[in-house]
Amino acid sequence: MKTVLISIKPRFVDEIIKGTKKYDFRRAIFKNAKEIGKVFIYATAPVKKIVASFSIGEIVADHPEALWNRCQSVSGIDRSSVFEYFKNKDVGFAIKIKDLDVFKTPVDPTRVIPGFVAPQSYRYVDQATNIS
């Protein structure tokens, strides 16, 4: 199984932790998504830490309007932000967050990932990396 690190803005990370955001919207998705065992959440600036992990419940691929109709009540985001994010995209993705594990102590990625650079969207992480 592969491991992935995704970047999420802190305000959306807060919604995930509160349980109001149960899907994470993405413009691009991992190759061989069924092989992903764990997803780590990197909270972007000003936090700049790996704060949690989860398993993928499902990945829905569809037109942004259909994604919104299906996921809006558990999206943790407003409609205008979703459509701005998916602007000019015919297909988007919604990742269902399952088995969320919020870390008691967030992890500084520069200490566990050599040459760490925050991913624009996502990056694969070596499974030998001890993040949690």
C-alpha atoms as a PDB file:
ATOM      1  CA  MET A   1       0.000   0.000   0.000  1.00  0.00           C
ATOM      2  CA  LYS A   2       1.139   3.538  -0.776  1.00  0.00           C
ATOM      3  CA  THR A   3       1.077   6.596   1.459  1.00  0.00           C
ATOM      4  CA  VAL A   4       0.154  10.103   0.332  1.00  0.00           C
ATOM      5  CA  LEU A   5       0.565  13.559   1.853  1.00  0.00           C
ATOM      6  CA  ILE A   6      -2.045  16.156   0.847  1.00  0.00           C
ATOM      7  CA  SER A   7      -1.974  19.908   1.455  1.00  0.00           C
ATOM      8  CA  ILE A   8      -5.095  21.461   2.954  1.00  0.00           C
ATOM      9  CA  LYS A   9      -5.668  25.026   4.119  1.00  0.00           C
ATOM     10  CA  PRO A  10      -5.937  25.299   7.922  1.00  0.00           C
ATOM     11  CA  ARG A  11      -9.557  26.494   7.853  1.00  0.00           C
ATOM     12  CA  PHE A  12     -10.557  23.300   6.023  1.00  0.00           C
ATOM     13  CA  VAL A  13      -8.399  21.166   8.326  1.00  0.00           C
ATOM     14  CA  ASP A  14     -10.397  22.636  11.226  1.00  0.00           C
ATOM     15  CA  GLU A  15     -13.646  21.590   9.509  1.00  0.00           C
ATOM     16  CA  ILE A  16     -12.282  18.069   9.020  1.00  0.00           C
ATOM     17  CA  ILE A  17     -11.327  17.818  12.690  1.00  0.00           C
ATOM     18  CA  LYS A  18     -14.749  19.145  13.779  1.00  0.00           C
ATOM     19  CA  GLY A  19     -16.383  16.503  11.600  1.00  0.00           C
ATOM     20  CA  THR A  20     -18.288  18.935   9.357  1.00  0.00           C
ATOM     21  CA  LYS A  21     -16.019  18.255   6.361  1.00  0.00           C
ATOM     22  CA  LYS A  22     -16.239  14.568   5.493  1.00  0.00           C
ATOM     23  CA  TYR A  23     -15.106  14.919   1.862  1.00  0.00           C
ATOM     24  CA  ASP A  24     -12.024  16.649   0.505  1.00  0.00           C
ATOM     25  CA  PHE A  25     -12.390  18.066  -2.991  1.00  0.00           C
ATOM     26  CA  ARG A  26      -9.523  17.658  -5.454  1.00  0.00           C
ATOM     27  CA  ARG A  27      -8.938  18.784  -9.050  1.00  0.00           C
ATOM     28  CA  ALA A  28      -6.489  15.914  -9.571  1.00  0.00           C
ATOM     29  CA  ILE A  29      -6.323  12.500  -7.945  1.00  0.00           C
ATOM     30  CA  PHE A  30      -3.591  10.001  -7.190  1.00  0.00           C
ATOM     31  CA  LYS A  31      -2.651   7.347  -9.699  1.00  0.00           C
ATOM     32  CA  ASN A  32      -3.782   3.899  -8.555  1.00  0.00           C
ATOM     33  CA  ALA A  33      -5.904   5.380  -5.770  1.00  0.00           C
ATOM     34  CA  LYS A  34      -6.998   1.907  -4.667  1.00  0.00           C
ATOM     35  CA  GLU A  35      -3.396   1.264  -3.599  1.00  0.00           C
ATOM     36  CA  ILE A  36      -3.382   4.185  -1.129  1.00  0.00           C
ATOM     37  CA  GLY A  37      -3.364   2.872   2.420  1.00  0.00           C
ATOM     38  CA  LYS A  38      -3.086   6.112   4.342  1.00  0.00           C
ATOM     39  CA  VAL A  39      -3.425   9.816   3.597  1.00  0.00           C
ATOM     40  CA  PHE A  40      -1.578  12.337   5.762  1.00  0.00           C
ATOM     41  CA  ILE A  41      -2.923  15.883   6.085  1.00  0.00           C
ATOM     42  CA  TYR A  42      -0.411  18.719   5.822  1.00  0.00           C
ATOM     43  CA  ALA A  43      -1.953  21.966   7.090  1.00  0.00           C
ATOM     44  CA  THR A  44      -0.525  24.771   4.962  1.00  0.00           C
ATOM     45  CA  ALA A  45       0.786  28.145   6.209  1.00  0.00           C
ATOM     46  CA  PRO A  46       0.769  29.418   8.828  1.00  0.00           C
ATOM     47  CA  VAL A  47       0.564  25.951  10.494  1.00  0.00           C
ATOM     48  CA  LYS A  48       3.018  24.097   8.205  1.00  0.00           C
ATOM     49  CA  LYS A  49       2.647  20.778  10.027  1.00  0.00           C
ATOM     50  CA  ILE A  50       1.324  17.285   9.387  1.00  0.00           C
ATOM     51  CA  VAL A  51      -1.671  17.218  11.696  1.00  0.00           C
ATOM     52  CA  ALA A  52      -3.678  14.050  10.986  1.00  0.00           C
ATOM     53  CA  SER A  53      -4.153  11.001   8.810  1.00  0.00           C
ATOM     54  CA  PHE A  54      -7.098   9.116   7.386  1.00  0.00           C
ATOM     55  CA  SER A  55      -8.115   6.207   5.200  1.00  0.00           C
ATOM     56  CA  ILE A  56      -9.972   6.711   1.946  1.00  0.00           C
ATOM     57  CA  GLY A  57     -13.620   5.713   2.230  1.00  0.00           C
ATOM     58  CA  GLU A  58     -14.311   6.243  -1.471  1.00  0.00           C
ATOM     59  CA  ILE A  59     -13.309   8.554  -4.285  1.00  0.00           C
ATOM     60  CA  VAL A  60     -16.107  10.068  -6.312  1.00  0.00           C
ATOM     61  CA  ALA A  61     -15.240  11.381  -9.786  1.00  0.00           C
ATOM     62  CA  ASP A  62     -17.900  13.545 -11.421  1.00  0.00           C
ATOM     63  CA  HIS A  63     -18.812  16.935 -12.785  1.00  0.00           C
ATOM     64  CA  PRO A  64     -18.362  19.608 -10.062  1.00  0.00           C
ATOM     65  CA  GLU A  65     -22.124  20.293 -10.000  1.00  0.00           C
ATOM     66  CA  ALA A  66     -22.842  16.602  -9.346  1.00  0.00           C
ATOM     67  CA  LEU A  67     -20.112  16.462  -6.674  1.00  0.00           C
ATOM     68  CA  TRP A  68     -21.651  19.474  -4.963  1.00  0.00           C
ATOM     69  CA  ASN A  69     -25.152  17.983  -5.100  1.00  0.00           C
ATOM     70  CA  ARG A  70     -23.905  14.747  -3.588  1.00  0.00           C
ATOM     71  CA  CYS A  71     -21.517  16.106  -0.942  1.00  0.00           C
ATOM     72  CA  GLN A  72     -22.682  19.611  -0.018  1.00  0.00           C
ATOM     73  CA  SER A  73     -24.144  18.703   3.392  1.00  0.00           C
ATOM     74  CA  VAL A  74     -20.824  17.166   4.506  1.00  0.00           C
ATOM     75  CA  SER A  75     -18.417  19.298   2.476  1.00  0.00           C
ATOM     76  CA  GLY A  76     -17.469  21.835   5.167  1.00  0.00           C
ATOM     77  CA  ILE A  77     -17.205  24.477   2.452  1.00  0.00           C
ATOM     78  CA  ASP A  78     -19.538  26.921   0.746  1.00  0.00           C
ATOM     79  CA  ARG A  79     -20.842  26.533  -2.802  1.00  0.00           C
ATOM     80  CA  SER A  80     -19.042  29.554  -4.267  1.00  0.00           C
ATOM     81  CA  SER A  81     -15.658  28.335  -2.975  1.00  0.00           C
ATOM     82  CA  VAL A  82     -16.221  24.895  -4.504  1.00  0.00           C
ATOM     83  CA  PHE A  83     -17.113  26.294  -7.915  1.00  0.00           C
ATOM     84  CA  GLU A  84     -14.220  28.757  -7.842  1.00  0.00           C
ATOM     85  CA  TYR A  85     -11.878  25.852  -7.014  1.00  0.00           C
ATOM     86  CA  PHE A  86     -13.254  23.719  -9.878  1.00  0.00           C
ATOM     87  CA  LYS A  87     -13.423  26.637 -12.333  1.00  0.00           C
ATOM     88  CA  ASN A  88     -12.915  25.405 -15.924  1.00  0.00           C
ATOM     89  CA  LYS A  89     -12.902  21.744 -14.838  1.00  0.00           C
ATOM     90  CA  ASP A  90     -15.340  19.205 -16.273  1.00  0.00           C
ATOM     91  CA  VAL A  91     -14.398  16.537 -13.729  1.00  0.00           C
ATOM     92  CA  GLY A  92     -13.507  16.840 -10.073  1.00  0.00           C
ATOM     93  CA  PHE A  93     -12.934  14.401  -7.248  1.00  0.00           C
ATOM     94  CA  ALA A  94     -14.299  14.061  -3.735  1.00  0.00           C
ATOM     95  CA  ILE A  95     -12.353  11.903  -1.288  1.00  0.00           C
ATOM     96  CA  LYS A  96     -14.382  10.512   1.622  1.00  0.00           C
ATOM     97  CA  ILE A  97     -12.451  10.864   4.873  1.00  0.00           C
ATOM     98  CA  LYS A  98     -12.614   7.660   6.923  1.00  0.00           C
ATOM     99  CA  ASP A  99     -10.956   6.709  10.224  1.00  0.00           C
ATOM    100  CA  LEU A 100      -9.548  10.170  10.917  1.00  0.00           C
ATOM    101  CA  ASP A 101      -6.603  10.173  13.336  1.00  0.00           C
ATOM    102  CA  VAL A 102      -5.768  13.649  14.658  1.00  0.00           C
ATOM    103  CA  PHE A 103      -2.237  13.808  16.029  1.00  0.00           C
ATOM    104  CA  LYS A 104      -1.807  15.007  19.612  1.00  0.00           C
ATOM    105  CA  THR A 105       1.441  16.603  18.509  1.00  0.00           C
ATOM    106  CA  PRO A 106       1.591  17.874  14.908  1.00  0.00           C
ATOM    107  CA  VAL A 107       4.652  16.717  12.991  1.00  0.00           C
ATOM    108  CA  ASP A 108       7.191  19.064  11.418  1.00  0.00           C
ATOM    109  CA  PRO A 109       7.576  17.533   7.942  1.00  0.00           C
ATOM    110  CA  THR A 110      11.142  18.828   7.565  1.00  0.00           C
ATOM    111  CA  ARG A 111      12.137  16.474  10.404  1.00  0.00           C
ATOM    112  CA  VAL A 112      10.696  13.313   8.846  1.00  0.00           C
ATOM    113  CA  ILE A 113      10.810  13.880   5.066  1.00  0.00           C
ATOM    114  CA  PRO A 114      14.273  14.630   3.644  1.00  0.00           C
ATOM    115  CA  GLY A 115      14.271  17.757   1.442  1.00  0.00           C
ATOM    116  CA  PHE A 116      10.614  18.428   2.243  1.00  0.00           C
ATOM    117  CA  VAL A 117       8.768  20.849  -0.022  1.00  0.00           C
ATOM    118  CA  ALA A 118       5.052  21.359   0.616  1.00  0.00           C
ATOM    119  CA  PRO A 119       3.027  19.739  -2.156  1.00  0.00           C
ATOM    120  CA  GLN A 120       0.772  21.918  -4.298  1.00  0.00           C
ATOM    121  CA  SER A 121      -1.885  19.229  -4.098  1.00  0.00           C
ATOM    122  CA  TYR A 122      -0.369  15.910  -3.017  1.00  0.00           C
ATOM    123  CA  ARG A 123       2.804  13.860  -3.017  1.00  0.00           C
ATOM    124  CA  TYR A 124       3.658  10.253  -2.349  1.00  0.00           C
ATOM    125  CA  VAL A 125       5.552   9.531   0.854  1.00  0.00           C
ATOM    126  CA  ASP A 126       7.910   6.645   1.456  1.00  0.00           C
ATOM    127  CA  GLN A 127       6.146   4.163   3.738  1.00  0.00           C
ATOM    128  CA  ALA A 128       9.311   3.848   5.807  1.00  0.00           C
ATOM    129  CA  THR A 129       8.872   7.491   6.837  1.00  0.00           C
ATOM    130  CA  ASN A 130       7.754   7.611  10.457  1.00  0.00           C
ATOM    131  CA  ILE A 131       5.189  10.428  10.420  1.00  0.00           C
ATOM    132  CA  SER A 132       2.729   9.516  13.135  1.00  0.00           C
END
